[in-house]
């Protein structure tokens, strides 16, 4: 209950700040959004390009947890996952606040769920994030980004949204660990929590398949260096 209240307050505060506390959009904001969406990136700051595209990768990473988690929820997880591509944390925070603990997966995985459960999806997200960060950090103009962050609502809210999505990801991992027989390895949760978003993407690329409640449950293991502990 306390977690739900805190996440609800966080969502409410973020909405208030985004619409009433953040600086106004600039005259060229709409043109910037259209250019980013259409891939017309000539002359744009690589930092902004990388951030915008990373905001498309994070919802994919959340979906890899939400679609499986939603099997045991009353909430339509797919709706929140889909909304996150357009609204980011504005769409995901209500789900995180209202969902209930769901440490088991019941039933069979269809093709879509098998894809969400696959390491290949996690590997794609990890590679995409690394490429985007190398590109953005290596070629970006920090002074231009700082000026835009201070004066443009779109850039500032998108940046804060990225930080929220990165930091909130571990909230879903406890149940995901349980659904994969990794209960005894939850120490990984802290490593993931302190290395956002790369730790989360690495987890998705390494995690074993989800166990089903109707099957023979055995404790899975992460393919890591501490396997012998």
C-alpha atoms as a PDB file:
ATOM      1  CA  UNK A   1       0.000   0.000   0.000  1.00  0.00           C
ATOM      2  CA  UNK A   2       2.798   2.412   0.877  1.00  0.00           C
ATOM      3  CA  UNK A   3       4.479   1.708  -2.469  1.00  0.00           C
ATOM      4  CA  UNK A   4       1.251   2.400  -4.324  1.00  0.00           C
ATOM      5  CA  UNK A   5       0.749   5.693  -2.502  1.00  0.00           C
ATOM      6  CA  UNK A   6       4.308   6.829  -3.143  1.00  0.00           C
ATOM      7  CA  UNK A   7       4.127   5.944  -6.835  1.00  0.00           C
ATOM      8  CA  UNK A   8       0.745   7.633  -7.127  1.00  0.00           C
ATOM      9  CA  UNK A   9       2.125  10.794  -5.545  1.00  0.00           C
ATOM     10  CA  UNK A  10       5.147  10.632  -7.843  1.00  0.00           C
ATOM     11  CA  UNK A  11       2.871  10.382 -10.883  1.00  0.00           C
ATOM     12  CA  UNK A  12       0.718  13.271  -9.670  1.00  0.00           C
ATOM     13  CA  UNK A  13       3.761  15.429  -8.936  1.00  0.00           C
ATOM     14  CA  UNK A  14       5.300  14.663 -12.316  1.00  0.00           C
ATOM     15  CA  UNK A  15       2.086  15.608 -14.113  1.00  0.00           C
ATOM     16  CA  UNK A  16       1.833  18.857 -12.170  1.00  0.00           C
ATOM     17  CA  UNK A  17       5.435  19.771 -12.882  1.00  0.00           C
ATOM     18  CA  UNK A  18       5.277  18.824 -16.567  1.00  0.00           C
ATOM     19  CA  UNK A  19       2.265  21.037 -17.258  1.00  0.00           C
ATOM     20  CA  UNK A  20       2.667  23.853 -14.754  1.00  0.00           C
ATOM     21  CA  UNK A  21       6.231  23.848 -13.400  1.00  0.00           C
ATOM     22  CA  UNK A  22       8.403  23.145 -16.439  1.00  0.00           C
ATOM     23  CA  UNK A  23       9.497  25.976 -18.748  1.00  0.00           C
ATOM     24  CA  UNK A  24       7.283  26.666 -21.767  1.00  0.00           C
ATOM     25  CA  UNK A  25       7.866  25.091 -25.137  1.00  0.00           C
ATOM     26  CA  UNK A  26       9.812  27.172 -27.612  1.00  0.00           C
ATOM     27  CA  UNK A  27       8.563  28.296 -31.045  1.00  0.00           C
ATOM     28  CA  UNK A  28      10.644  25.599 -32.747  1.00  0.00           C
ATOM     29  CA  UNK A  29       9.624  22.769 -30.396  1.00  0.00           C
ATOM     30  CA  UNK A  30       6.977  21.322 -32.703  1.00  0.00           C
ATOM     31  CA  UNK A  31       9.396  21.391 -35.633  1.00  0.00           C
ATOM     32  CA  UNK A  32      11.979  19.619 -33.467  1.00  0.00           C
ATOM     33  CA  UNK A  33       9.508  16.890 -32.482  1.00  0.00           C
ATOM     34  CA  UNK A  34       8.495  16.344 -36.107  1.00  0.00           C
ATOM     35  CA  UNK A  35      12.130  16.205 -37.245  1.00  0.00           C
ATOM     36  CA  UNK A  36      13.004  13.657 -34.546  1.00  0.00           C
ATOM     37  CA  UNK A  37       9.938  11.536 -35.319  1.00  0.00           C
ATOM     38  CA  UNK A  38      10.542  11.562 -39.072  1.00  0.00           C
ATOM     39  CA  UNK A  39      14.285  10.891 -38.867  1.00  0.00           C
ATOM     40  CA  UNK A  40      15.266  14.289 -40.268  1.00  0.00           C
ATOM     41  CA  UNK A  41      18.240  14.599 -37.950  1.00  0.00           C
ATOM     42  CA  UNK A  42      20.593  16.821 -39.950  1.00  0.00           C
ATOM     43  CA  UNK A  43      21.678  19.736 -37.790  1.00  0.00           C
ATOM     44  CA  UNK A  44      20.156  18.318 -34.593  1.00  0.00           C
ATOM     45  CA  UNK A  45      22.149  17.803 -31.413  1.00  0.00           C
ATOM     46  CA  UNK A  46      23.198  14.113 -31.206  1.00  0.00           C
ATOM     47  CA  UNK A  47      22.426  14.194 -27.474  1.00  0.00           C
ATOM     48  CA  UNK A  48      18.806  15.042 -28.193  1.00  0.00           C
ATOM     49  CA  UNK A  49      18.637  12.432 -30.959  1.00  0.00           C
ATOM     50  CA  UNK A  50      20.059   9.744 -28.667  1.00  0.00           C
ATOM     51  CA  UNK A  51      17.721  10.682 -25.814  1.00  0.00           C
ATOM     52  CA  UNK A  52      14.662  10.665 -28.077  1.00  0.00           C
ATOM     53  CA  UNK A  53      15.503   7.227 -29.461  1.00  0.00           C
ATOM     54  CA  UNK A  54      16.363   5.846 -26.019  1.00  0.00           C
ATOM     55  CA  UNK A  55      12.839   6.834 -25.005  1.00  0.00           C
ATOM     56  CA  UNK A  56      11.696   4.324 -27.602  1.00  0.00           C
ATOM     57  CA  UNK A  57      13.930   1.562 -26.240  1.00  0.00           C
ATOM     58  CA  UNK A  58      12.882   1.848 -22.590  1.00  0.00           C
ATOM     59  CA  UNK A  59       9.193   1.031 -23.290  1.00  0.00           C
ATOM     60  CA  UNK A  60      10.364  -2.082 -25.162  1.00  0.00           C
ATOM     61  CA  UNK A  61      12.308  -3.099 -22.052  1.00  0.00           C
ATOM     62  CA  UNK A  62       9.305  -2.466 -19.824  1.00  0.00           C
ATOM     63  CA  UNK A  63       7.135  -4.466 -22.192  1.00  0.00           C
ATOM     64  CA  UNK A  64       9.447  -7.463 -21.700  1.00  0.00           C
ATOM     65  CA  UNK A  65       8.254  -7.456 -18.072  1.00  0.00           C
ATOM     66  CA  UNK A  66       4.752  -6.010 -18.313  1.00  0.00           C
ATOM     67  CA  UNK A  67       3.235  -8.433 -20.801  1.00  0.00           C
ATOM     68  CA  UNK A  68       4.279 -11.391 -18.637  1.00  0.00           C
ATOM     69  CA  UNK A  69       3.413  -9.633 -15.390  1.00  0.00           C
ATOM     70  CA  UNK A  70       0.014  -8.651 -16.774  1.00  0.00           C
ATOM     71  CA  UNK A  71      -1.071 -12.298 -17.069  1.00  0.00           C
ATOM     72  CA  UNK A  72      -1.812 -12.243 -13.328  1.00  0.00           C
ATOM     73  CA  UNK A  73      -3.157  -8.691 -13.036  1.00  0.00           C
ATOM     74  CA  UNK A  74      -6.646  -7.259 -13.325  1.00  0.00           C
ATOM     75  CA  UNK A  75      -5.157  -4.276 -15.146  1.00  0.00           C
ATOM     76  CA  UNK A  76      -4.697  -4.490 -18.937  1.00  0.00           C
ATOM     77  CA  UNK A  77      -0.916  -4.344 -18.957  1.00  0.00           C
ATOM     78  CA  UNK A  78      -0.824  -4.107 -22.751  1.00  0.00           C
ATOM     79  CA  UNK A  79      -2.614  -0.747 -22.646  1.00  0.00           C
ATOM     80  CA  UNK A  80      -0.053   0.768 -20.285  1.00  0.00           C
ATOM     81  CA  UNK A  81       2.824  -0.761 -22.249  1.00  0.00           C
ATOM     82  CA  UNK A  82       1.480   0.664 -25.498  1.00  0.00           C
ATOM     83  CA  UNK A  83       0.841   4.041 -23.900  1.00  0.00           C
ATOM     84  CA  UNK A  84       4.418   4.226 -22.660  1.00  0.00           C
ATOM     85  CA  UNK A  85       5.676   4.606 -26.248  1.00  0.00           C
ATOM     86  CA  UNK A  86       3.877   7.940 -26.404  1.00  0.00           C
ATOM     87  CA  UNK A  87       3.657   9.038 -22.769  1.00  0.00           C
ATOM     88  CA  UNK A  88       6.578   7.307 -21.043  1.00  0.00           C
ATOM     89  CA  UNK A  89       6.340   7.376 -17.262  1.00  0.00           C
ATOM     90  CA  UNK A  90       3.005   9.212 -17.450  1.00  0.00           C
ATOM     91  CA  UNK A  91       1.487   5.956 -18.735  1.00  0.00           C
ATOM     92  CA  UNK A  92       3.572   3.472 -16.728  1.00  0.00           C
ATOM     93  CA  UNK A  93       3.408   5.000 -13.245  1.00  0.00           C
ATOM     94  CA  UNK A  94      -0.340   4.296 -12.811  1.00  0.00           C
ATOM     95  CA  UNK A  95       0.270   0.629 -13.648  1.00  0.00           C
ATOM     96  CA  UNK A  96       3.215   0.410 -11.242  1.00  0.00           C
ATOM     97  CA  UNK A  97       1.099   2.010  -8.530  1.00  0.00           C
ATOM     98  CA  UNK A  98      -2.004  -0.152  -9.036  1.00  0.00           C
ATOM     99  CA  UNK A  99      -0.511  -3.551  -9.889  1.00  0.00           C
ATOM    100  CA  UNK A 100      -0.320  -6.326  -7.287  1.00  0.00           C
ATOM    101  CA  UNK A 101       2.555  -8.696  -6.548  1.00  0.00           C
ATOM    102  CA  UNK A 102       2.628 -11.477  -9.128  1.00  0.00           C
ATOM    103  CA  UNK A 103       5.506 -13.929  -8.536  1.00  0.00           C
ATOM    104  CA  UNK A 104       4.128 -16.755 -10.721  1.00  0.00           C
ATOM    105  CA  UNK A 105       3.166 -17.187 -14.357  1.00  0.00           C
ATOM    106  CA  UNK A 106       0.106 -19.332 -15.033  1.00  0.00           C
ATOM    107  CA  UNK A 107      -0.751 -20.798 -18.409  1.00  0.00           C
ATOM    108  CA  UNK A 108       1.136 -21.093 -21.673  1.00  0.00           C
ATOM    109  CA  UNK A 109       3.181 -18.501 -23.520  1.00  0.00           C
ATOM    110  CA  UNK A 110       1.980 -17.628 -26.991  1.00  0.00           C
ATOM    111  CA  UNK A 111       4.306 -16.372 -29.740  1.00  0.00           C
ATOM    112  CA  UNK A 112       4.106 -12.785 -28.498  1.00  0.00           C
ATOM    113  CA  UNK A 113       4.919 -13.710 -24.903  1.00  0.00           C
ATOM    114  CA  UNK A 114       7.772 -15.959 -26.011  1.00  0.00           C
ATOM    115  CA  UNK A 115       9.249 -12.985 -27.854  1.00  0.00           C
ATOM    116  CA  UNK A 116       8.848 -10.752 -24.798  1.00  0.00           C
ATOM    117  CA  UNK A 117      10.494 -13.504 -22.749  1.00  0.00           C
ATOM    118  CA  UNK A 118      13.435 -13.997 -25.115  1.00  0.00           C
ATOM    119  CA  UNK A 119      17.041 -13.060 -24.486  1.00  0.00           C
ATOM    120  CA  UNK A 120      17.267 -11.834 -28.067  1.00  0.00           C
ATOM    121  CA  UNK A 121      14.934  -8.947 -27.256  1.00  0.00           C
ATOM    122  CA  UNK A 122      17.089  -8.005 -24.281  1.00  0.00           C
ATOM    123  CA  UNK A 123      20.238  -8.205 -26.390  1.00  0.00           C
ATOM    124  CA  UNK A 124      18.692  -5.900 -28.982  1.00  0.00           C
ATOM    125  CA  UNK A 125      17.847  -3.347 -26.266  1.00  0.00           C
ATOM    126  CA  UNK A 126      21.327  -3.547 -24.757  1.00  0.00           C
ATOM    127  CA  UNK A 127      23.095  -3.034 -28.090  1.00  0.00           C
ATOM    128  CA  UNK A 128      20.749  -0.196 -29.055  1.00  0.00           C
ATOM    129  CA  UNK A 129      21.324   1.628 -25.772  1.00  0.00           C
ATOM    130  CA  UNK A 130      25.110   1.264 -25.993  1.00  0.00           C
ATOM    131  CA  UNK A 131      25.147   2.575 -29.571  1.00  0.00           C
ATOM    132  CA  UNK A 132      22.896   5.501 -28.689  1.00  0.00           C
ATOM    133  CA  UNK A 133      24.934   6.480 -25.650  1.00  0.00           C
ATOM    134  CA  UNK A 134      28.233   6.276 -27.533  1.00  0.00           C
ATOM    135  CA  UNK A 135      26.763   8.401 -30.307  1.00  0.00           C
ATOM    136  CA  UNK A 136      25.125  10.943 -27.998  1.00  0.00           C
ATOM    137  CA  UNK A 137      27.958  11.321 -25.513  1.00  0.00           C
ATOM    138  CA  UNK A 138      30.669  11.201 -28.143  1.00  0.00           C
ATOM    139  CA  UNK A 139      29.237  13.729 -30.570  1.00  0.00           C
ATOM    140  CA  UNK A 140      26.697  15.690 -28.553  1.00  0.00           C
ATOM    141  CA  UNK A 141      26.834  19.375 -27.667  1.00  0.00           C
ATOM    142  CA  UNK A 142      26.361  19.637 -23.909  1.00  0.00           C
ATOM    143  CA  UNK A 143      26.080  23.430 -23.818  1.00  0.00           C
ATOM    144  CA  UNK A 144      23.283  23.341 -26.385  1.00  0.00           C
ATOM    145  CA  UNK A 145      21.549  20.530 -24.496  1.00  0.00           C
ATOM    146  CA  UNK A 146      21.864  22.419 -21.197  1.00  0.00           C
ATOM    147  CA  UNK A 147      20.305  25.521 -22.717  1.00  0.00           C
ATOM    148  CA  UNK A 148      17.443  23.493 -24.148  1.00  0.00           C
ATOM    149  CA  UNK A 149      16.943  21.650 -20.856  1.00  0.00           C
ATOM    150  CA  UNK A 150      16.642  24.943 -18.992  1.00  0.00           C
ATOM    151  CA  UNK A 151      14.303  26.623 -21.448  1.00  0.00           C
ATOM    152  CA  UNK A 152      12.330  23.997 -23.379  1.00  0.00           C
ATOM    153  CA  UNK A 153       9.558  21.949 -21.755  1.00  0.00           C
ATOM    154  CA  UNK A 154       9.823  19.132 -24.284  1.00  0.00           C
ATOM    155  CA  UNK A 155      13.538  18.559 -23.697  1.00  0.00           C
ATOM    156  CA  UNK A 156      13.300  18.933 -19.921  1.00  0.00           C
ATOM    157  CA  UNK A 157      10.278  16.661 -19.454  1.00  0.00           C
ATOM    158  CA  UNK A 158      11.699  14.058 -21.845  1.00  0.00           C
ATOM    159  CA  UNK A 159      14.960  14.065 -19.871  1.00  0.00           C
ATOM    160  CA  UNK A 160      13.158  13.671 -16.544  1.00  0.00           C
ATOM    161  CA  UNK A 161      10.968  10.979 -18.077  1.00  0.00           C
ATOM    162  CA  UNK A 162      14.078   9.068 -19.149  1.00  0.00           C
ATOM    163  CA  UNK A 163      15.493   9.284 -15.614  1.00  0.00           C
ATOM    164  CA  UNK A 164      12.230   8.080 -14.062  1.00  0.00           C
ATOM    165  CA  UNK A 165      11.866   5.124 -16.407  1.00  0.00           C
ATOM    166  CA  UNK A 166      15.479   4.114 -15.796  1.00  0.00           C
ATOM    167  CA  UNK A 167      15.231   4.350 -12.011  1.00  0.00           C
ATOM    168  CA  UNK A 168      11.803   2.708 -11.639  1.00  0.00           C
ATOM    169  CA  UNK A 169      12.599  -0.403 -13.680  1.00  0.00           C
ATOM    170  CA  UNK A 170      13.771  -2.481 -10.658  1.00  0.00           C
ATOM    171  CA  UNK A 171      10.271  -2.212  -9.132  1.00  0.00           C
ATOM    172  CA  UNK A 172       9.123  -4.961 -11.505  1.00  0.00           C
ATOM    173  CA  UNK A 173      12.188  -7.154 -11.173  1.00  0.00           C
ATOM    174  CA  UNK A 174      11.440  -8.811  -7.834  1.00  0.00           C
ATOM    175  CA  UNK A 175       8.437 -10.671  -9.239  1.00  0.00           C
ATOM    176  CA  UNK A 176      10.258 -11.317 -12.517  1.00  0.00           C
ATOM    177  CA  UNK A 177      13.064 -12.996 -10.545  1.00  0.00           C
ATOM    178  CA  UNK A 178      10.503 -15.212  -8.805  1.00  0.00           C
ATOM    179  CA  UNK A 179       8.796 -16.136 -12.075  1.00  0.00           C
ATOM    180  CA  UNK A 180      12.148 -17.417 -13.354  1.00  0.00           C
ATOM    181  CA  UNK A 181      13.244 -19.346 -10.281  1.00  0.00           C
ATOM    182  CA  UNK A 182      15.855 -16.717  -9.400  1.00  0.00           C
ATOM    183  CA  UNK A 183      14.572 -15.964  -5.918  1.00  0.00           C
ATOM    184  CA  UNK A 184      17.911 -16.852  -4.336  1.00  0.00           C
ATOM    185  CA  UNK A 185      19.764 -14.480  -6.666  1.00  0.00           C
ATOM    186  CA  UNK A 186      17.968 -11.245  -5.882  1.00  0.00           C
ATOM    187  CA  UNK A 187      21.293  -9.648  -5.057  1.00  0.00           C
ATOM    188  CA  UNK A 188      21.328  -8.955  -8.772  1.00  0.00           C
ATOM    189  CA  UNK A 189      18.458  -6.562  -8.175  1.00  0.00           C
ATOM    190  CA  UNK A 190      20.767  -4.099  -6.482  1.00  0.00           C
ATOM    191  CA  UNK A 191      23.347  -4.303  -9.243  1.00  0.00           C
ATOM    192  CA  UNK A 192      20.617  -3.571 -11.775  1.00  0.00           C
ATOM    193  CA  UNK A 193      19.170  -0.764  -9.668  1.00  0.00           C
ATOM    194  CA  UNK A 194      22.498   1.050  -9.493  1.00  0.00           C
ATOM    195  CA  UNK A 195      23.356   0.746 -13.202  1.00  0.00           C
ATOM    196  CA  UNK A 196      20.325   2.081 -15.047  1.00  0.00           C
ATOM    197  CA  UNK A 197      19.466   1.556 -17.818  1.00  0.00           C
ATOM    198  CA  UNK A 198      22.289  -0.740 -18.927  1.00  0.00           C
ATOM    199  CA  UNK A 199      21.967  -3.134 -16.005  1.00  0.00           C
ATOM    200  CA  UNK A 200      18.286  -3.617 -16.811  1.00  0.00           C
ATOM    201  CA  UNK A 201      19.029  -4.332 -20.471  1.00  0.00           C
ATOM    202  CA  UNK A 202      21.812  -6.744 -19.491  1.00  0.00           C
ATOM    203  CA  UNK A 203      19.401  -8.571 -17.202  1.00  0.00           C
ATOM    204  CA  UNK A 204      16.906  -8.948 -20.045  1.00  0.00           C
ATOM    205  CA  UNK A 205      19.674 -10.350 -22.242  1.00  0.00           C
ATOM    206  CA  UNK A 206      20.783 -12.901 -19.613  1.00  0.00           C
ATOM    207  CA  UNK A 207      17.626 -13.954 -17.770  1.00  0.00           C
ATOM    208  CA  UNK A 208      16.418 -17.546 -18.147  1.00  0.00           C
ATOM    209  CA  UNK A 209      12.897 -18.266 -19.460  1.00  0.00           C
ATOM    210  CA  UNK A 210       9.838 -17.762 -17.311  1.00  0.00           C
ATOM    211  CA  UNK A 211       8.685 -20.866 -15.444  1.00  0.00           C
ATOM    212  CA  UNK A 212       5.016 -21.788 -15.607  1.00  0.00           C
ATOM    213  CA  UNK A 213       3.020 -22.667 -12.515  1.00  0.00           C
ATOM    214  CA  UNK A 214       1.710 -25.822 -14.163  1.00  0.00           C
ATOM    215  CA  UNK A 215       5.179 -27.125 -15.024  1.00  0.00           C
ATOM    216  CA  UNK A 216       7.948 -28.681 -13.004  1.00  0.00           C
ATOM    217  CA  UNK A 217       9.592 -25.743 -11.311  1.00  0.00           C
ATOM    218  CA  UNK A 218      13.339 -25.882 -10.955  1.00  0.00           C
ATOM    219  CA  UNK A 219      15.622 -23.112  -9.785  1.00  0.00           C
ATOM    220  CA  UNK A 220      17.189 -21.412 -12.780  1.00  0.00           C
ATOM    221  CA  UNK A 221      20.505 -19.656 -12.741  1.00  0.00           C
ATOM    222  CA  UNK A 222      21.898 -16.518 -14.278  1.00  0.00           C
ATOM    223  CA  UNK A 223      24.833 -17.118 -16.652  1.00  0.00           C
ATOM    224  CA  UNK A 224      27.231 -15.026 -14.640  1.00  0.00           C
ATOM    225  CA  UNK A 225      30.638 -15.175 -13.076  1.00  0.00           C
ATOM    226  CA  UNK A 226      29.235 -15.876  -9.582  1.00  0.00           C
ATOM    227  CA  UNK A 227      27.630 -19.133 -10.648  1.00  0.00           C
ATOM    228  CA  UNK A 228      29.975 -21.071  -8.455  1.00  0.00           C
ATOM    229  CA  UNK A 229      29.009 -19.248  -5.253  1.00  0.00           C
END
